Amino acid sequence: MKKELKEKFVTVRLPESVLAQLQAVCESETRTMSAQILYYIKKGLVIKN
């Protein structure tokens, strides 16, 4: 039996300096902010997907 995955929404507070760097990376890699944050979370947790 396969479990259905449901998305959860969270609010993240970032310092302005981190936000500016994250936005610059998003623009250079043509990703959305949420996709880039998810990428870093998965990379940090070593989740393959």
PDB file of N, CA and C in Angstrom:
ATOM      1  N   MET A   1       0.846  -1.175   0.000  1.00  0.00           N
ATOM      2  CA  MET A   1       0.000   0.000   0.000  1.00  0.00           C
ATOM      3  C   MET A   1       0.896   1.245   0.000  1.00  0.00           C
ATOM      4  N   LYS A   2       0.626   2.150  -0.913  1.00  0.00           N
ATOM      5  CA  LYS A   2       1.449   3.354  -1.057  1.00  0.00           C
ATOM      6  C   LYS A   2       0.794   4.516  -0.316  1.00  0.00           C
ATOM      7  N   LYS A   3       1.607   5.210   0.509  1.00  0.00           N
ATOM      8  CA  LYS A   3       1.084   6.378   1.229  1.00  0.00           C
ATOM      9  C   LYS A   3       1.044   7.584   0.300  1.00  0.00           C
ATOM     10  N   GLU A   4       0.011   8.354   0.427  1.00  0.00           N
ATOM     11  CA  GLU A   4      -0.116   9.579  -0.363  1.00  0.00           C
ATOM     12  C   GLU A   4       0.673  10.686   0.329  1.00  0.00           C
ATOM     13  N   LEU A   5       1.520  11.362  -0.424  1.00  0.00           N
ATOM     14  CA  LEU A   5       2.305  12.460   0.124  1.00  0.00           C
ATOM     15  C   LEU A   5       1.512  13.752   0.017  1.00  0.00           C
ATOM     16  N   LYS A   6       1.465  14.480   1.102  1.00  0.00           N
ATOM     17  CA  LYS A   6       0.784  15.770   1.109  1.00  0.00           C
ATOM     18  C   LYS A   6       1.810  16.859   1.366  1.00  0.00           C
ATOM     19  N   GLU A   7       1.681  17.947   0.654  1.00  0.00           N
ATOM     20  CA  GLU A   7       2.595  19.064   0.843  1.00  0.00           C
ATOM     21  C   GLU A   7       2.192  19.850   2.079  1.00  0.00           C
ATOM     22  N   LYS A   8       3.193  20.319   2.796  1.00  0.00           N
ATOM     23  CA  LYS A   8       2.978  21.169   3.962  1.00  0.00           C
ATOM     24  C   LYS A   8       3.599  22.525   3.658  1.00  0.00           C
ATOM     25  N   PHE A   9       2.988  23.554   4.149  1.00  0.00           N
ATOM     26  CA  PHE A   9       3.495  24.900   3.938  1.00  0.00           C
ATOM     27  C   PHE A   9       4.074  25.431   5.241  1.00  0.00           C
ATOM     28  N   VAL A  10       5.232  26.065   5.165  1.00  0.00           N
ATOM     29  CA  VAL A  10       5.880  26.644   6.340  1.00  0.00           C
ATOM     30  C   VAL A  10       6.344  28.059   6.007  1.00  0.00           C
ATOM     31  N   THR A  11       6.473  28.853   7.032  1.00  0.00           N
ATOM     32  CA  THR A  11       7.008  30.199   6.891  1.00  0.00           C
ATOM     33  C   THR A  11       8.454  30.181   7.357  1.00  0.00           C
ATOM     34  N   VAL A  12       9.324  30.776   6.566  1.00  0.00           N
ATOM     35  CA  VAL A  12      10.749  30.813   6.909  1.00  0.00           C
ATOM     36  C   VAL A  12      11.163  32.265   7.038  1.00  0.00           C
ATOM     37  N   ARG A  13      11.774  32.591   8.155  1.00  0.00           N
ATOM     38  CA  ARG A  13      12.289  33.954   8.348  1.00  0.00           C
ATOM     39  C   ARG A  13      13.785  33.947   8.067  1.00  0.00           C
ATOM     40  N   LEU A  14      14.201  34.817   7.168  1.00  0.00           N
ATOM     41  CA  LEU A  14      15.599  34.879   6.766  1.00  0.00           C
ATOM     42  C   LEU A  14      16.140  36.288   6.963  1.00  0.00           C
ATOM     43  N   PRO A  15      17.395  36.400   7.367  1.00  0.00           N
ATOM     44  CA  PRO A  15      18.013  37.723   7.410  1.00  0.00           C
ATOM     45  C   PRO A  15      18.088  38.289   5.989  1.00  0.00           C
ATOM     46  N   GLU A  16      18.043  39.599   5.880  1.00  0.00           N
ATOM     47  CA  GLU A  16      18.068  40.251   4.563  1.00  0.00           C
ATOM     48  C   GLU A  16      19.273  39.815   3.733  1.00  0.00           C
ATOM     49  N   SER A  17      20.432  39.651   4.373  1.00  0.00           N
ATOM     50  CA  SER A  17      21.638  39.262   3.630  1.00  0.00           C
ATOM     51  C   SER A  17      21.491  37.865   3.023  1.00  0.00           C
ATOM     52  N   VAL A  18      20.902  36.946   3.761  1.00  0.00           N
ATOM     53  CA  VAL A  18      20.688  35.585   3.259  1.00  0.00           C
ATOM     54  C   VAL A  18      19.650  35.609   2.141  1.00  0.00           C
ATOM     55  N   LEU A  19      18.592  36.362   2.326  1.00  0.00           N
ATOM     56  CA  LEU A  19      17.548  36.472   1.314  1.00  0.00           C
ATOM     57  C   LEU A  19      18.114  37.025   0.009  1.00  0.00           C
ATOM     58  N   ALA A  20      18.957  38.032   0.092  1.00  0.00           N
ATOM     59  CA  ALA A  20      19.550  38.628  -1.107  1.00  0.00           C
ATOM     60  C   ALA A  20      20.431  37.612  -1.837  1.00  0.00           C
ATOM     61  N   GLN A  21      21.216  36.846  -1.099  1.00  0.00           N
ATOM     62  CA  GLN A  21      22.066  35.830  -1.718  1.00  0.00           C
ATOM     63  C   GLN A  21      21.220  34.728  -2.348  1.00  0.00           C
ATOM     64  N   LEU A  22      20.173  34.323  -1.658  1.00  0.00           N
ATOM     65  CA  LEU A  22      19.285  33.280  -2.169  1.00  0.00           C
ATOM     66  C   LEU A  22      18.583  33.738  -3.443  1.00  0.00           C
ATOM     67  N   GLN A  23      18.142  34.973  -3.474  1.00  0.00           N
ATOM     68  CA  GLN A  23      17.492  35.510  -4.679  1.00  0.00           C
ATOM     69  C   GLN A  23      18.462  35.547  -5.852  1.00  0.00           C
ATOM     70  N   ALA A  24      19.716  35.899  -5.588  1.00  0.00           N
ATOM     71  CA  ALA A  24      20.722  35.941  -6.649  1.00  0.00           C
ATOM     72  C   ALA A  24      20.964  34.544  -7.219  1.00  0.00           C
ATOM     73  N   VAL A  25      21.023  33.542  -6.355  1.00  0.00           N
ATOM     74  CA  VAL A  25      21.215  32.164  -6.813  1.00  0.00           C
ATOM     75  C   VAL A  25      20.005  31.716  -7.631  1.00  0.00           C
ATOM     76  N   CYS A  26      18.804  32.051  -7.172  1.00  0.00           N
ATOM     77  CA  CYS A  26      17.586  31.678  -7.894  1.00  0.00           C
ATOM     78  C   CYS A  26      17.587  32.260  -9.302  1.00  0.00           C
ATOM     79  N   GLU A  27      17.981  33.495  -9.425  1.00  0.00           N
ATOM     80  CA  GLU A  27      18.006  34.145 -10.735  1.00  0.00           C
ATOM     81  C   GLU A  27      19.054  33.514 -11.647  1.00  0.00           C
ATOM     82  N   SER A  28      20.220  33.192 -11.091  1.00  0.00           N
ATOM     83  CA  SER A  28      21.283  32.630 -11.925  1.00  0.00           C
ATOM     84  C   SER A  28      20.981  31.199 -12.353  1.00  0.00           C
ATOM     85  N   GLU A  29      20.219  30.469 -11.555  1.00  0.00           N
ATOM     86  CA  GLU A  29      19.899  29.080 -11.879  1.00  0.00           C
ATOM     87  C   GLU A  29      18.473  28.923 -12.392  1.00  0.00           C
ATOM     88  N   THR A  30      17.789  30.011 -12.602  1.00  0.00           N
ATOM     89  CA  THR A  30      16.399  30.050 -13.091  1.00  0.00           C
ATOM     90  C   THR A  30      15.477  29.097 -12.332  1.00  0.00           C
ATOM     91  N   ARG A  31      15.546  29.156 -11.019  1.00  0.00           N
ATOM     92  CA  ARG A  31      14.652  28.389 -10.156  1.00  0.00           C
ATOM     93  C   ARG A  31      13.801  29.359  -9.350  1.00  0.00           C
ATOM     94  N   THR A  32      12.653  28.863  -8.898  1.00  0.00           N
ATOM     95  CA  THR A  32      11.843  29.676  -8.002  1.00  0.00           C
ATOM     96  C   THR A  32      12.469  29.634  -6.612  1.00  0.00           C
ATOM     97  N   MET A  33      12.075  30.568  -5.781  1.00  0.00           N
ATOM     98  CA  MET A  33      12.595  30.624  -4.416  1.00  0.00           C
ATOM     99  C   MET A  33      12.269  29.329  -3.663  1.00  0.00           C
ATOM    100  N   SER A  34      11.038  28.862  -3.781  1.00  0.00           N
ATOM    101  CA  SER A  34      10.657  27.648  -3.055  1.00  0.00           C
ATOM    102  C   SER A  34      11.417  26.431  -3.576  1.00  0.00           C
ATOM    103  N   ALA A  35      11.641  26.350  -4.876  1.00  0.00           N
ATOM    104  CA  ALA A  35      12.398  25.225  -5.437  1.00  0.00           C
ATOM    105  C   ALA A  35      13.846  25.250  -4.953  1.00  0.00           C
ATOM    106  N   GLN A  36      14.426  26.433  -4.865  1.00  0.00           N
ATOM    107  CA  GLN A  36      15.815  26.549  -4.419  1.00  0.00           C
ATOM    108  C   GLN A  36      15.940  26.178  -2.944  1.00  0.00           C
ATOM    109  N   ILE A  37      14.999  26.637  -2.132  1.00  0.00           N
ATOM    110  CA  ILE A  37      15.021  26.290  -0.707  1.00  0.00           C
ATOM    111  C   ILE A  37      14.855  24.787  -0.530  1.00  0.00           C
ATOM    112  N   LEU A  38      13.925  24.185  -1.266  1.00  0.00           N
ATOM    113  CA  LEU A  38      13.720  22.740  -1.190  1.00  0.00           C
ATOM    114  C   LEU A  38      14.981  21.998  -1.623  1.00  0.00           C
ATOM    115  N   TYR A  39      15.653  22.482  -2.646  1.00  0.00           N
ATOM    116  CA  TYR A  39      16.905  21.885  -3.112  1.00  0.00           C
ATOM    117  C   TYR A  39      17.940  21.876  -1.977  1.00  0.00           C
ATOM    118  N   TYR A  40      18.105  22.998  -1.302  1.00  0.00           N
ATOM    119  CA  TYR A  40      19.086  23.084  -0.219  1.00  0.00           C
ATOM    120  C   TYR A  40      18.700  22.209   0.976  1.00  0.00           C
ATOM    121  N   ILE A  41      17.424  22.139   1.270  1.00  0.00           N
ATOM    122  CA  ILE A  41      16.981  21.285   2.375  1.00  0.00           C
ATOM    123  C   ILE A  41      17.276  19.821   2.063  1.00  0.00           C
ATOM    124  N   LYS A  42      16.919  19.397   0.856  1.00  0.00           N
ATOM    125  CA  LYS A  42      17.180  18.004   0.472  1.00  0.00           C
ATOM    126  C   LYS A  42      18.675  17.716   0.445  1.00  0.00           C
ATOM    127  N   LYS A  43      19.443  18.654  -0.051  1.00  0.00           N
ATOM    128  CA  LYS A  43      20.897  18.482  -0.095  1.00  0.00           C
ATOM    129  C   LYS A  43      21.469  18.361   1.317  1.00  0.00           C
ATOM    130  N   GLY A  44      20.974  19.181   2.221  1.00  0.00           N
ATOM    131  CA  GLY A  44      21.444  19.143   3.606  1.00  0.00           C
ATOM    132  C   GLY A  44      21.035  17.880   4.336  1.00  0.00           C
ATOM    133  N   LEU A  45      19.879  17.339   3.980  1.00  0.00           N
ATOM    134  CA  LEU A  45      19.389  16.122   4.637  1.00  0.00           C
ATOM    135  C   LEU A  45      19.808  14.863   3.892  1.00  0.00           C
ATOM    136  N   VAL A  46      20.453  15.010   2.752  1.00  0.00           N
ATOM    137  CA  VAL A  46      20.886  13.902   1.910  1.00  0.00           C
ATOM    138  C   VAL A  46      19.697  13.022   1.519  1.00  0.00           C
ATOM    139  N   ILE A  47      18.648  13.672   1.020  1.00  0.00           N
ATOM    140  CA  ILE A  47      17.457  12.982   0.539  1.00  0.00           C
ATOM    141  C   ILE A  47      17.566  12.897  -0.977  1.00  0.00           C
ATOM    142  N   LYS A  48      17.372  11.718  -1.502  1.00  0.00           N
ATOM    143  CA  LYS A  48      17.436  11.550  -2.949  1.00  0.00           C
ATOM    144  C   LYS A  48      16.039  11.586  -3.524  1.00  0.00           C
ATOM    145  N   ASN A  49      15.838  12.521  -4.452  1.00  0.00           N
ATOM    146  CA  ASN A  49      14.547  12.631  -5.133  1.00  0.00           C
ATOM    147  C   ASN A  49      14.628  13.733  -6.146  1.00  0.00           C
TER     148      ASN A  49
END
